[in-house]
Amino acid sequence: MSALGSAQPMRLSAGDATLEISPADGGRIASFAVAGRELLVTGRTAPMQWGCYPMVPYAGRVRNGRFSFEGRDYRLPLGLPPHAIHGVVYDRPWRVDDANTLSIELGPRWPFAGRVVQRVDLEPGRLSVTLELHAAEPMPATLGWHPWFRRRLGREGAGPDALSAEAELELDAGSMYLRDAEGIPTGRLVPPTAGPWDDCMTDLRSDPIVRWPGVLELELRSDASDWVVYTEPDHAICVEPQTGPPDALNIRPVVVEPGRPLTATMEWRWRSLGAAALG
């Protein structure tokens, strides 16, 4: 474990799982391997496109980087012009507080003062992560995580030229947010369409599952109300728990006040599908 305040990676292991968190890269989970297989997209490419990073104090896009709060208009930096996206902490260094905890101040790109705390716990068969947004003054906010799961994992005992297992997503959502021509939710809910998706789902009837047939099954749990599901890339699948939909600062704002933090939990549980399931 690195020293307090250090930007050196934090490493945890339990059972067949190993985990690396990079404080320097937005406090993200930089690597998550089960039985020696890396489940996340790695490589330190563009900050929005790898690992599993926290999105605070807004998750997803904010239309044109603009919102209003308590009678005042605000403008945010455009992380994906013409829109703001994914908050202000995923591309900045975090502080290491202890062996499982990181924190960061919201900083100058957000017009309100506050602090974010993330705690990561790993035990055999289970990873749990908690986010807390502590407001120093009232503010609108959402938060969540953006994991990039690899679409393909190698099969057990297979040589380097063998076919890999292609990820499948099991998702049972009651509703989906309708998107407009800019790809941003309007606030209206509709029945889910067929994929591929870059959409926000809600009213889930069961926990999502990412399954690599014959290799591994990963169950995703969260107390967050909404899930952005991104299945368009050829190399990855993103299943993102969020406390509100994209552009929530405009369509469904939640006010966070001093002494009443906004919190969310995310949990991953996995099981090996083993050689017997290769078929």
Protein backbone atom coordinates (compact mmCIF):
# COMPACT_ATOMS: atom_id res chain seq x y z
CA MET A 1 0.00 0.00 0.00
CA SER A 2 1.24 3.50 -0.84
CA ALA A 3 1.76 6.27 1.68
CA LEU A 4 -1.07 8.60 2.60
CA GLY A 5 -1.54 11.33 0.03
CA SER A 6 0.65 9.50 -2.49
CA ALA A 7 -0.32 9.14 -6.14
CA GLN A 8 1.14 5.62 -6.24
CA PRO A 9 -1.31 2.82 -7.19
CA MET A 10 -3.36 1.14 -4.47
CA ARG A 11 -3.46 -2.65 -4.78
CA LEU A 12 -5.91 -5.05 -3.14
CA SER A 13 -6.31 -8.80 -3.48
CA ALA A 14 -8.75 -11.39 -2.13
CA GLY A 15 -9.45 -14.93 -3.25
CA ASP A 16 -8.99 -15.12 -7.03
CA ALA A 17 -9.31 -11.36 -7.58
CA THR A 18 -6.75 -8.56 -7.77
CA LEU A 19 -7.52 -4.87 -7.97
CA GLU A 20 -5.48 -1.77 -8.73
CA ILE A 21 -6.72 1.76 -8.11
CA SER A 22 -4.90 4.71 -9.65
CA PRO A 23 -5.25 7.88 -7.53
CA ALA A 24 -3.36 9.80 -10.23
CA ASP A 25 -5.92 8.81 -12.89
CA GLY A 26 -9.09 10.16 -11.34
CA GLY A 27 -9.30 7.68 -8.47
CA ARG A 28 -10.35 4.99 -10.93
CA ILE A 29 -10.14 1.24 -10.77
CA ALA A 30 -7.34 0.83 -13.30
CA SER A 31 -7.31 -2.97 -13.27
CA PHE A 32 -9.63 -5.71 -12.05
CA ALA A 33 -8.59 -9.28 -12.73
CA VAL A 34 -10.27 -12.55 -11.75
CA ALA A 35 -8.26 -15.77 -11.98
CA GLY A 36 -5.64 -13.84 -13.92
CA ARG A 37 -8.08 -12.46 -16.53
CA GLU A 38 -8.37 -8.69 -16.87
CA LEU A 39 -12.04 -7.66 -16.98
CA LEU A 40 -11.56 -3.94 -17.66
CA VAL A 41 -10.29 -2.01 -20.65
CA THR A 42 -6.83 -0.82 -19.63
CA GLY A 43 -4.01 1.09 -21.29
CA ARG A 44 -4.38 4.66 -20.02
CA THR A 45 -5.85 6.00 -23.24
CA ALA A 46 -8.19 9.02 -23.23
CA PRO A 47 -9.41 9.54 -19.63
CA MET A 48 -13.05 8.80 -20.46
CA GLN A 49 -12.35 5.48 -22.20
CA TRP A 50 -10.79 3.01 -19.76
CA GLY A 51 -10.98 1.45 -16.33
CA CYS A 52 -13.85 2.22 -13.97
CA TYR A 53 -13.99 5.83 -12.80
CA PRO A 54 -16.28 7.85 -10.53
CA MET A 55 -18.50 10.51 -12.09
CA VAL A 56 -19.15 13.41 -9.69
CA PRO A 57 -20.96 15.83 -9.29
CA TYR A 58 -22.78 14.94 -12.50
CA ALA A 59 -22.89 11.68 -14.43
CA GLY A 60 -23.16 11.69 -18.19
CA ARG A 61 -23.77 14.77 -20.29
CA VAL A 62 -25.04 18.18 -19.23
CA ARG A 63 -26.67 19.80 -22.23
CA ASN A 64 -24.44 22.58 -23.61
CA GLY A 65 -22.69 22.65 -20.23
CA ARG A 66 -25.48 24.82 -18.80
CA PHE A 67 -27.85 24.54 -15.83
CA SER A 68 -29.67 26.82 -13.40
CA PHE A 69 -29.88 26.61 -9.63
CA GLU A 70 -31.65 28.88 -7.15
CA GLY A 71 -32.29 31.51 -9.81
CA ARG A 72 -28.75 31.66 -11.15
CA ASP A 73 -27.37 30.34 -14.44
CA TYR A 74 -24.13 28.35 -14.57
CA ARG A 75 -21.78 27.20 -17.34
CA LEU A 76 -19.48 24.18 -17.12
CA PRO A 77 -16.36 23.27 -19.10
CA LEU A 78 -17.27 21.33 -22.25
CA GLY A 79 -15.57 17.97 -21.83
CA LEU A 80 -17.24 16.62 -24.98
CA PRO A 81 -18.27 19.71 -26.96
CA PRO A 82 -20.90 21.00 -27.15
CA HIS A 83 -21.70 19.34 -23.83
CA ALA A 84 -20.16 18.91 -20.38
CA ILE A 85 -19.69 15.27 -19.42
CA HIS A 86 -18.92 12.89 -16.53
CA GLY A 87 -18.17 15.40 -13.79
CA VAL A 88 -14.96 17.09 -12.67
CA VAL A 89 -12.99 14.42 -10.78
CA TYR A 90 -12.36 11.56 -13.25
CA ASP A 91 -9.26 13.21 -14.78
CA ARG A 92 -7.66 14.72 -11.65
CA PRO A 93 -5.41 13.20 -8.95
CA TRP A 94 -7.10 11.98 -5.78
CA ARG A 95 -5.64 11.79 -2.27
CA VAL A 96 -5.09 8.41 -0.60
CA ASP A 97 -6.61 8.58 2.90
CA ASP A 98 -6.10 4.97 3.99
CA ALA A 99 -5.68 1.49 2.52
CA ASN A 100 -9.21 1.52 1.08
CA THR A 101 -10.22 5.18 0.87
CA LEU A 102 -9.55 8.12 -1.47
CA SER A 103 -10.85 11.67 -1.51
CA ILE A 104 -10.81 14.84 -3.61
CA GLU A 105 -12.14 18.39 -3.48
CA LEU A 106 -14.54 19.28 -6.28
CA GLY A 107 -12.26 22.08 -7.42
CA PRO A 108 -12.58 25.16 -9.64
CA ARG A 109 -14.40 23.51 -12.57
CA TRP A 110 -17.50 23.14 -10.39
CA PRO A 111 -19.16 26.31 -9.02
CA PHE A 112 -19.90 24.90 -5.55
CA ALA A 113 -17.57 23.77 -2.77
CA GLY A 114 -17.57 20.14 -1.72
CA ARG A 115 -15.58 16.98 -1.24
CA VAL A 116 -15.86 13.46 -2.64
CA VAL A 117 -14.91 10.29 -0.78
CA GLN A 118 -14.62 6.85 -2.39
CA ARG A 119 -14.11 3.62 -0.47
CA VAL A 120 -13.23 0.29 -2.11
CA ASP A 121 -13.47 -3.08 -0.34
CA LEU A 122 -12.48 -6.41 -1.88
CA GLU A 123 -13.24 -9.85 -0.46
CA PRO A 124 -13.44 -13.29 -2.08
CA GLY A 125 -16.14 -13.18 -4.75
CA ARG A 126 -17.23 -9.61 -4.01
CA LEU A 127 -16.13 -6.04 -4.71
CA SER A 128 -17.98 -3.17 -3.07
CA VAL A 129 -17.46 0.54 -3.76
CA THR A 130 -19.08 3.53 -2.06
CA LEU A 131 -19.16 7.15 -3.21
CA GLU A 132 -20.04 10.10 -0.98
CA LEU A 133 -20.48 13.71 -2.05
CA HIS A 134 -20.17 16.06 0.94
CA ALA A 135 -21.47 19.53 0.12
CA ALA A 136 -20.02 22.62 1.78
CA GLU A 137 -22.99 24.58 0.38
CA PRO A 138 -26.27 23.54 -1.28
CA MET A 139 -25.77 22.21 -4.81
CA PRO A 140 -27.54 20.08 -7.42
CA ALA A 141 -25.73 16.83 -8.15
CA THR A 142 -25.72 13.25 -9.36
CA LEU A 143 -22.98 10.67 -9.10
CA GLY A 144 -22.08 7.22 -10.39
CA TRP A 145 -19.41 5.05 -11.99
CA HIS A 146 -18.33 4.36 -15.55
CA PRO A 147 -16.87 0.85 -15.92
CA TRP A 148 -15.44 -0.27 -19.27
CA PHE A 149 -15.72 -4.07 -19.39
CA ARG A 150 -13.78 -5.95 -22.03
CA ARG A 151 -16.01 -7.49 -24.63
CA ARG A 152 -13.74 -10.53 -25.01
CA LEU A 153 -11.99 -12.72 -22.44
CA GLY A 154 -9.69 -15.65 -23.13
CA ARG A 155 -10.98 -19.15 -22.30
CA GLU A 156 -9.40 -21.32 -19.63
CA GLY A 157 -6.57 -23.47 -20.93
CA ALA A 158 -6.81 -21.97 -24.40
CA GLY A 159 -3.71 -21.14 -26.38
CA PRO A 160 -2.95 -17.65 -27.69
CA ASP A 161 -4.65 -18.38 -31.03
CA ALA A 162 -7.87 -19.77 -29.53
CA LEU A 163 -11.18 -17.95 -29.79
CA SER A 164 -12.12 -15.74 -26.85
CA ALA A 165 -15.46 -15.59 -25.09
CA GLU A 166 -17.74 -12.77 -26.30
CA ALA A 167 -19.52 -10.85 -23.55
CA GLU A 168 -23.30 -11.03 -23.25
CA LEU A 169 -25.40 -8.56 -21.26
CA GLU A 170 -28.44 -9.74 -19.33
CA LEU A 171 -30.60 -6.69 -18.61
CA ASP A 172 -34.27 -6.49 -17.64
CA ALA A 173 -35.35 -2.83 -17.48
CA GLY A 174 -38.91 -1.61 -17.24
CA SER A 175 -38.22 1.79 -18.79
CA MET A 176 -35.70 3.76 -20.82
CA TYR A 177 -35.20 7.52 -21.09
CA LEU A 178 -36.10 8.83 -24.53
CA ARG A 179 -33.17 10.59 -26.18
CA ASP A 180 -33.41 13.56 -28.53
CA ALA A 181 -31.38 14.30 -31.68
CA GLU A 182 -28.39 15.29 -29.53
CA GLY A 183 -28.43 11.94 -27.75
CA ILE A 184 -29.49 13.44 -24.41
CA PRO A 185 -32.49 12.24 -22.35
CA THR A 186 -35.57 14.42 -22.52
CA GLY A 187 -36.95 13.21 -19.20
CA ARG A 188 -39.67 11.14 -20.85
CA LEU A 189 -39.71 7.40 -20.16
CA VAL A 190 -40.49 4.84 -22.87
CA PRO A 191 -40.32 1.04 -23.12
CA PRO A 192 -36.74 -0.14 -23.80
CA THR A 193 -35.86 -0.66 -27.44
CA ALA A 194 -33.61 -3.37 -28.81
CA GLY A 195 -29.86 -2.72 -28.62
CA PRO A 196 -27.20 -1.76 -29.33
CA TRP A 197 -27.61 0.96 -26.72
CA ASP A 198 -26.18 4.24 -25.59
CA ASP A 199 -29.16 4.78 -23.32
CA CYS A 200 -30.21 5.27 -19.72
CA MET A 201 -32.34 2.48 -18.26
CA THR A 202 -34.43 2.57 -15.10
CA ASP A 203 -37.01 0.48 -13.23
CA LEU A 204 -34.72 -2.57 -13.36
CA ARG A 205 -36.44 -5.82 -12.42
CA SER A 206 -33.20 -7.65 -11.62
CA ASP A 207 -29.49 -6.95 -11.30
CA PRO A 208 -27.62 -6.66 -14.62
CA ILE A 209 -25.23 -9.48 -15.50
CA VAL A 210 -22.25 -9.40 -17.84
CA ARG A 211 -21.50 -12.96 -18.92
CA TRP A 212 -18.52 -14.28 -20.83
CA PRO A 213 -19.81 -17.78 -21.80
CA GLY A 214 -17.63 -20.57 -20.56
CA VAL A 215 -15.44 -18.18 -18.57
CA LEU A 216 -17.08 -15.85 -16.05
CA GLU A 217 -20.34 -14.27 -14.93
CA LEU A 218 -20.32 -10.86 -13.26
CA GLU A 219 -23.41 -9.60 -11.42
CA LEU A 220 -23.70 -5.84 -10.93
CA ARG A 221 -25.62 -4.38 -8.00
CA SER A 222 -26.24 -0.79 -6.94
CA ASP A 223 -28.66 1.33 -4.94
CA ALA A 224 -28.53 3.88 -7.78
CA SER A 225 -31.82 4.37 -9.62
CA ASP A 226 -30.53 4.63 -13.19
CA TRP A 227 -28.13 2.70 -15.42
CA VAL A 228 -26.52 4.01 -18.59
CA VAL A 229 -25.82 1.07 -20.89
CA TYR A 230 -23.35 1.53 -23.74
CA THR A 231 -23.00 -1.50 -26.01
CA GLU A 232 -22.04 0.18 -29.28
CA PRO A 233 -18.23 -0.24 -29.10
CA ASP A 234 -16.74 -3.39 -30.59
CA HIS A 235 -14.21 -3.80 -27.78
CA ALA A 236 -16.19 -2.98 -24.65
CA ILE A 237 -19.49 -2.93 -22.77
CA CYS A 238 -20.29 -0.18 -20.26
CA VAL A 239 -22.94 -0.68 -17.55
CA GLU A 240 -22.99 2.48 -15.43
CA PRO A 241 -24.98 2.89 -12.19
CA GLN A 242 -25.99 6.52 -11.59
CA THR A 243 -28.17 8.34 -9.05
CA GLY A 244 -29.89 10.14 -11.94
CA PRO A 245 -29.97 10.19 -15.72
CA PRO A 246 -27.65 12.22 -17.95
CA ASP A 247 -28.54 15.93 -17.82
CA ALA A 248 -30.16 15.38 -14.42
CA LEU A 249 -29.03 18.89 -13.41
CA ASN A 250 -31.68 20.14 -15.83
CA ILE A 251 -34.36 17.43 -15.96
CA ARG A 252 -34.32 15.87 -12.47
CA PRO A 253 -32.11 17.84 -10.07
CA VAL A 254 -31.36 16.51 -6.60
CA VAL A 255 -30.14 19.06 -4.06
CA VAL A 256 -27.28 18.05 -1.76
CA GLU A 257 -26.92 20.05 1.44
CA PRO A 258 -24.20 20.38 4.09
CA GLY A 259 -24.41 17.54 6.58
CA ARG A 260 -26.54 15.42 4.23
CA PRO A 261 -24.19 13.79 1.71
CA LEU A 262 -25.32 12.18 -1.51
CA THR A 263 -24.17 8.55 -1.50
CA ALA A 264 -24.23 5.55 -3.81
CA THR A 265 -22.97 1.99 -3.63
CA MET A 266 -21.83 -0.39 -6.36
CA GLU A 267 -21.16 -4.09 -5.90
CA TRP A 268 -19.71 -6.70 -8.27
CA ARG A 269 -20.15 -10.42 -7.60
CA TRP A 270 -18.68 -13.07 -9.85
CA ARG A 271 -18.52 -16.78 -10.43
CA SER A 272 -16.47 -18.92 -12.75
CA LEU A 273 -18.40 -20.75 -15.46
CA GLY A 274 -15.55 -23.24 -15.76
CA ALA A 275 -14.32 -25.54 -18.47
CA ALA A 276 -17.46 -27.70 -18.25
CA ALA A 277 -19.50 -24.87 -19.72
CA LEU A 278 -17.37 -24.40 -22.83
CA GLY A 279 -19.61 -26.66 -24.95
